[in-house]
Amino acid sequence: MIPSDPIMLLSFVNLKLRDYYDSLETMCDDLDVSQQEITEKLKAAGYTYDRGQNRFV
């Protein structure tokens, strides 16, 4: 289960990307979560995924 609060979600996702996964796609597949849902929630909060940095900025 992933956090529903956008700021908690940002922290959770960026931690997972930093410490465990080499891409957003790999993380979503492994955790069985929707990449589109995460991306949309964080975009609404003003964050976008940066592939080069492998994190939401």
PDB file of N, CA and C in Angstrom:
ATOM      1  N   MET A   1       0.844  -1.181   0.000  1.00  0.00           N
ATOM      2  CA  MET A   1       0.000   0.000   0.000  1.00  0.00           C
ATOM      3  C   MET A   1       0.894   1.250   0.000  1.00  0.00           C
ATOM      4  N   ILE A   2       0.524   2.189  -0.824  1.00  0.00           N
ATOM      5  CA  ILE A   2       1.290   3.426  -0.922  1.00  0.00           C
ATOM      6  C   ILE A   2       0.521   4.562  -0.237  1.00  0.00           C
ATOM      7  N   PRO A   3       1.230   5.564   0.245  1.00  0.00           N
ATOM      8  CA  PRO A   3       0.553   6.689   0.914  1.00  0.00           C
ATOM      9  C   PRO A   3      -0.387   7.435  -0.042  1.00  0.00           C
ATOM     10  N   SER A   4      -1.478   7.936   0.485  1.00  0.00           N
ATOM     11  CA  SER A   4      -2.416   8.697  -0.342  1.00  0.00           C
ATOM     12  C   SER A   4      -2.111  10.197  -0.311  1.00  0.00           C
ATOM     13  N   ASP A   5      -1.516  10.673   0.772  1.00  0.00           N
ATOM     14  CA  ASP A   5      -1.127  12.074   0.872  1.00  0.00           C
ATOM     15  C   ASP A   5       0.011  12.346  -0.118  1.00  0.00           C
ATOM     16  N   PRO A   6      -0.109  13.366  -0.969  1.00  0.00           N
ATOM     17  CA  PRO A   6       0.900  13.616  -1.997  1.00  0.00           C
ATOM     18  C   PRO A   6       2.317  13.828  -1.468  1.00  0.00           C
ATOM     19  N   ILE A   7       2.473  14.512  -0.358  1.00  0.00           N
ATOM     20  CA  ILE A   7       3.823  14.760   0.175  1.00  0.00           C
ATOM     21  C   ILE A   7       4.409  13.479   0.760  1.00  0.00           C
ATOM     22  N   MET A   8       3.604  12.701   1.436  1.00  0.00           N
ATOM     23  CA  MET A   8       4.066  11.407   1.942  1.00  0.00           C
ATOM     24  C   MET A   8       4.381  10.468   0.783  1.00  0.00           C
ATOM     25  N   LEU A   9       3.567  10.526  -0.259  1.00  0.00           N
ATOM     26  CA  LEU A   9       3.806   9.714  -1.455  1.00  0.00           C
ATOM     27  C   LEU A   9       5.132  10.102  -2.095  1.00  0.00           C
ATOM     28  N   LEU A  10       5.390  11.395  -2.210  1.00  0.00           N
ATOM     29  CA  LEU A  10       6.654  11.881  -2.773  1.00  0.00           C
ATOM     30  C   LEU A  10       7.838  11.320  -1.991  1.00  0.00           C
ATOM     31  N   SER A  11       7.785  11.421  -0.696  1.00  0.00           N
ATOM     32  CA  SER A  11       8.859  10.919   0.162  1.00  0.00           C
ATOM     33  C   SER A  11       9.030   9.413   0.008  1.00  0.00           C
ATOM     34  N   PHE A  12       7.943   8.692   0.030  1.00  0.00           N
ATOM     35  CA  PHE A  12       7.959   7.237  -0.103  1.00  0.00           C
ATOM     36  C   PHE A  12       8.561   6.809  -1.436  1.00  0.00           C
ATOM     37  N   VAL A  13       8.063   7.393  -2.523  1.00  0.00           N
ATOM     38  CA  VAL A  13       8.521   7.020  -3.859  1.00  0.00           C
ATOM     39  C   VAL A  13       9.993   7.379  -4.058  1.00  0.00           C
ATOM     40  N   ASN A  14      10.380   8.576  -3.685  1.00  0.00           N
ATOM     41  CA  ASN A  14      11.779   8.973  -3.880  1.00  0.00           C
ATOM     42  C   ASN A  14      12.734   8.128  -3.034  1.00  0.00           C
ATOM     43  N   LEU A  15      12.324   7.744  -1.842  1.00  0.00           N
ATOM     44  CA  LEU A  15      13.151   6.857  -1.030  1.00  0.00           C
ATOM     45  C   LEU A  15      13.313   5.499  -1.711  1.00  0.00           C
ATOM     46  N   LYS A  16      12.213   4.945  -2.184  1.00  0.00           N
ATOM     47  CA  LYS A  16      12.264   3.646  -2.865  1.00  0.00           C
ATOM     48  C   LYS A  16      13.133   3.730  -4.121  1.00  0.00           C
ATOM     49  N   LEU A  17      12.973   4.801  -4.887  1.00  0.00           N
ATOM     50  CA  LEU A  17      13.773   4.958  -6.105  1.00  0.00           C
ATOM     51  C   LEU A  17      15.255   5.120  -5.771  1.00  0.00           C
ATOM     52  N   ARG A  18      15.555   5.858  -4.756  1.00  0.00           N
ATOM     53  CA  ARG A  18      16.949   6.087  -4.364  1.00  0.00           C
ATOM     54  C   ARG A  18      17.611   4.821  -3.839  1.00  0.00           C
ATOM     55  N   ASP A  19      16.899   4.089  -2.986  1.00  0.00           N
ATOM     56  CA  ASP A  19      17.525   2.979  -2.273  1.00  0.00           C
ATOM     57  C   ASP A  19      17.331   1.600  -2.900  1.00  0.00           C
ATOM     58  N   TYR A  20      16.288   1.421  -3.713  1.00  0.00           N
ATOM     59  CA  TYR A  20      15.966   0.062  -4.151  1.00  0.00           C
ATOM     60  C   TYR A  20      15.755  -0.146  -5.650  1.00  0.00           C
ATOM     61  N   TYR A  21      15.390   0.882  -6.380  1.00  0.00           N
ATOM     62  CA  TYR A  21      14.993   0.678  -7.776  1.00  0.00           C
ATOM     63  C   TYR A  21      15.741   1.602  -8.722  1.00  0.00           C
ATOM     64  N   ASP A  22      16.013   1.091  -9.913  1.00  0.00           N
ATOM     65  CA  ASP A  22      16.734   1.890 -10.910  1.00  0.00           C
ATOM     66  C   ASP A  22      15.806   2.660 -11.839  1.00  0.00           C
ATOM     67  N   SER A  23      14.484   2.454 -11.693  1.00  0.00           N
ATOM     68  CA  SER A  23      13.534   3.214 -12.515  1.00  0.00           C
ATOM     69  C   SER A  23      12.146   3.175 -11.877  1.00  0.00           C
ATOM     70  N   LEU A  24      11.326   4.127 -12.264  1.00  0.00           N
ATOM     71  CA  LEU A  24       9.939   4.180 -11.798  1.00  0.00           C
ATOM     72  C   LEU A  24       9.178   2.954 -12.292  1.00  0.00           C
ATOM     73  N   GLU A  25       9.423   2.542 -13.514  1.00  0.00           N
ATOM     74  CA  GLU A  25       8.745   1.385 -14.089  1.00  0.00           C
ATOM     75  C   GLU A  25       9.033   0.123 -13.284  1.00  0.00           C
ATOM     76  N   THR A  26      10.294  -0.087 -12.934  1.00  0.00           N
ATOM     77  CA  THR A  26      10.683  -1.262 -12.167  1.00  0.00           C
ATOM     78  C   THR A  26      10.022  -1.248 -10.792  1.00  0.00           C
ATOM     79  N   MET A  27      10.012  -0.090 -10.146  1.00  0.00           N
ATOM     80  CA  MET A  27       9.387   0.022  -8.840  1.00  0.00           C
ATOM     81  C   MET A  27       7.901  -0.309  -8.907  1.00  0.00           C
ATOM     82  N   CYS A  28       7.211   0.269  -9.865  1.00  0.00           N
ATOM     83  CA  CYS A  28       5.768   0.045  -9.985  1.00  0.00           C
ATOM     84  C   CYS A  28       5.451  -1.414 -10.281  1.00  0.00           C
ATOM     85  N   ASP A  29       6.242  -2.038 -11.149  1.00  0.00           N
ATOM     86  CA  ASP A  29       6.036  -3.461 -11.440  1.00  0.00           C
ATOM     87  C   ASP A  29       6.247  -4.307 -10.192  1.00  0.00           C
ATOM     88  N   ASP A  30       7.307  -4.043  -9.473  1.00  0.00           N
ATOM     89  CA  ASP A  30       7.645  -4.835  -8.292  1.00  0.00           C
ATOM     90  C   ASP A  30       6.627  -4.654  -7.172  1.00  0.00           C
ATOM     91  N   LEU A  31       6.166  -3.427  -6.957  1.00  0.00           N
ATOM     92  CA  LEU A  31       5.210  -3.141  -5.890  1.00  0.00           C
ATOM     93  C   LEU A  31       3.760  -3.326  -6.332  1.00  0.00           C
ATOM     94  N   ASP A  32       3.562  -3.624  -7.618  1.00  0.00           N
ATOM     95  CA  ASP A  32       2.232  -3.814  -8.196  1.00  0.00           C
ATOM     96  C   ASP A  32       1.332  -2.602  -7.943  1.00  0.00           C
ATOM     97  N   VAL A  33       1.882  -1.429  -8.312  1.00  0.00           N
ATOM     98  CA  VAL A  33       1.132  -0.181  -8.214  1.00  0.00           C
ATOM     99  C   VAL A  33       1.090   0.475  -9.593  1.00  0.00           C
ATOM    100  N   SER A  34       0.128   1.335  -9.795  1.00  0.00           N
ATOM    101  CA  SER A  34      -0.057   1.999 -11.073  1.00  0.00           C
ATOM    102  C   SER A  34       0.913   3.177 -11.233  1.00  0.00           C
ATOM    103  N   GLN A  35       1.734   3.082 -12.248  1.00  0.00           N
ATOM    104  CA  GLN A  35       2.657   4.177 -12.546  1.00  0.00           C
ATOM    105  C   GLN A  35       1.870   5.434 -12.896  1.00  0.00           C
ATOM    106  N   GLN A  36       0.797   5.281 -13.628  1.00  0.00           N
ATOM    107  CA  GLN A  36      -0.028   6.419 -14.021  1.00  0.00           C
ATOM    108  C   GLN A  36      -0.638   7.099 -12.791  1.00  0.00           C
ATOM    109  N   GLU A  37      -1.115   6.321 -11.845  1.00  0.00           N
ATOM    110  CA  GLU A  37      -1.720   6.887 -10.635  1.00  0.00           C
ATOM    111  C   GLU A  37      -0.690   7.692  -9.832  1.00  0.00           C
ATOM    112  N   ILE A  38       0.496   7.132  -9.654  1.00  0.00           N
ATOM    113  CA  ILE A  38       1.551   7.829  -8.921  1.00  0.00           C
ATOM    114  C   ILE A  38       1.934   9.110  -9.642  1.00  0.00           C
ATOM    115  N   THR A  39       2.152   9.003 -10.939  1.00  0.00           N
ATOM    116  CA  THR A  39       2.561  10.158 -11.737  1.00  0.00           C
ATOM    117  C   THR A  39       1.506  11.261 -11.694  1.00  0.00           C
ATOM    118  N   GLU A  40       0.243  10.895 -11.816  1.00  0.00           N
ATOM    119  CA  GLU A  40      -0.836  11.892 -11.797  1.00  0.00           C
ATOM    120  C   GLU A  40      -0.975  12.566 -10.430  1.00  0.00           C
ATOM    121  N   LYS A  41      -0.892  11.781  -9.355  1.00  0.00           N
ATOM    122  CA  LYS A  41      -1.004  12.358  -8.010  1.00  0.00           C
ATOM    123  C   LYS A  41       0.136  13.339  -7.735  1.00  0.00           C
ATOM    124  N   LEU A  42       1.344  12.952  -8.133  1.00  0.00           N
ATOM    125  CA  LEU A  42       2.480  13.821  -7.874  1.00  0.00           C
ATOM    126  C   LEU A  42       2.508  15.014  -8.824  1.00  0.00           C
ATOM    127  N   LYS A  43       2.006  14.841 -10.032  1.00  0.00           N
ATOM    128  CA  LYS A  43       1.921  15.971 -10.966  1.00  0.00           C
ATOM    129  C   LYS A  43       0.946  17.021 -10.425  1.00  0.00           C
ATOM    130  N   ALA A  44      -0.157  16.564  -9.845  1.00  0.00           N
ATOM    131  CA  ALA A  44      -1.139  17.481  -9.266  1.00  0.00           C
ATOM    132  C   ALA A  44      -0.538  18.282  -8.100  1.00  0.00           C
ATOM    133  N   ALA A  45       0.484  17.696  -7.457  1.00  0.00           N
ATOM    134  CA  ALA A  45       1.159  18.380  -6.350  1.00  0.00           C
ATOM    135  C   ALA A  45       2.365  19.190  -6.831  1.00  0.00           C
ATOM    136  N   GLY A  46       2.588  19.190  -8.160  1.00  0.00           N
ATOM    137  CA  GLY A  46       3.666  19.999  -8.722  1.00  0.00           C
ATOM    138  C   GLY A  46       4.973  19.272  -8.971  1.00  0.00           C
ATOM    139  N   TYR A  47       4.974  17.949  -8.953  1.00  0.00           N
ATOM    140  CA  TYR A  47       6.200  17.173  -9.134  1.00  0.00           C
ATOM    141  C   TYR A  47       6.135  16.330 -10.402  1.00  0.00           C
ATOM    142  N   THR A  48       7.259  16.202 -11.075  1.00  0.00           N
ATOM    143  CA  THR A  48       7.354  15.360 -12.259  1.00  0.00           C
ATOM    144  C   THR A  48       8.544  14.420 -12.114  1.00  0.00           C
ATOM    145  N   TYR A  49       8.463  13.288 -12.806  1.00  0.00           N
ATOM    146  CA  TYR A  49       9.528  12.292 -12.730  1.00  0.00           C
ATOM    147  C   TYR A  49      10.678  12.694 -13.646  1.00  0.00           C
ATOM    148  N   ASP A  50      11.873  12.700 -13.116  1.00  0.00           N
ATOM    149  CA  ASP A  50      13.089  12.983 -13.884  1.00  0.00           C
ATOM    150  C   ASP A  50      13.849  11.671 -14.022  1.00  0.00           C
ATOM    151  N   ARG A  51      13.858  11.107 -15.236  1.00  0.00           N
ATOM    152  CA  ARG A  51      14.520   9.821 -15.481  1.00  0.00           C
ATOM    153  C   ARG A  51      16.011   9.876 -15.187  1.00  0.00           C
ATOM    154  N   GLY A  52      16.655  10.964 -15.553  1.00  0.00           N
ATOM    155  CA  GLY A  52      18.088  11.104 -15.344  1.00  0.00           C
ATOM    156  C   GLY A  52      18.466  11.049 -13.876  1.00  0.00           C
ATOM    157  N   GLN A  53      17.653  11.656 -13.035  1.00  0.00           N
ATOM    158  CA  GLN A  53      17.911  11.657 -11.597  1.00  0.00           C
ATOM    159  C   GLN A  53      17.204  10.497 -10.886  1.00  0.00           C
ATOM    160  N   ASN A  54      16.305   9.825 -11.612  1.00  0.00           N
ATOM    161  CA  ASN A  54      15.502   8.730 -11.065  1.00  0.00           C
ATOM    162  C   ASN A  54      14.790   9.163  -9.785  1.00  0.00           C
ATOM    163  N   ARG A  55      14.100  10.300  -9.888  1.00  0.00           N
ATOM    164  CA  ARG A  55      13.311  10.782  -8.750  1.00  0.00           C
ATOM    165  C   ARG A  55      12.315  11.828  -9.237  1.00  0.00           C
ATOM    166  N   PHE A  56      11.365  12.122  -8.376  1.00  0.00           N
ATOM    167  CA  PHE A  56      10.407  13.182  -8.670  1.00  0.00           C
ATOM    168  C   PHE A  56      10.975  14.485  -8.144  1.00  0.00           C
ATOM    169  N   VAL A  57      10.914  15.511  -8.991  1.00  0.00           N
ATOM    170  CA  VAL A  57      11.433  16.839  -8.634  1.00  0.00           C
ATOM    171  C   VAL A  57      10.370  17.880  -8.867  1.00  0.00           C
TER     172      VAL A  57
END
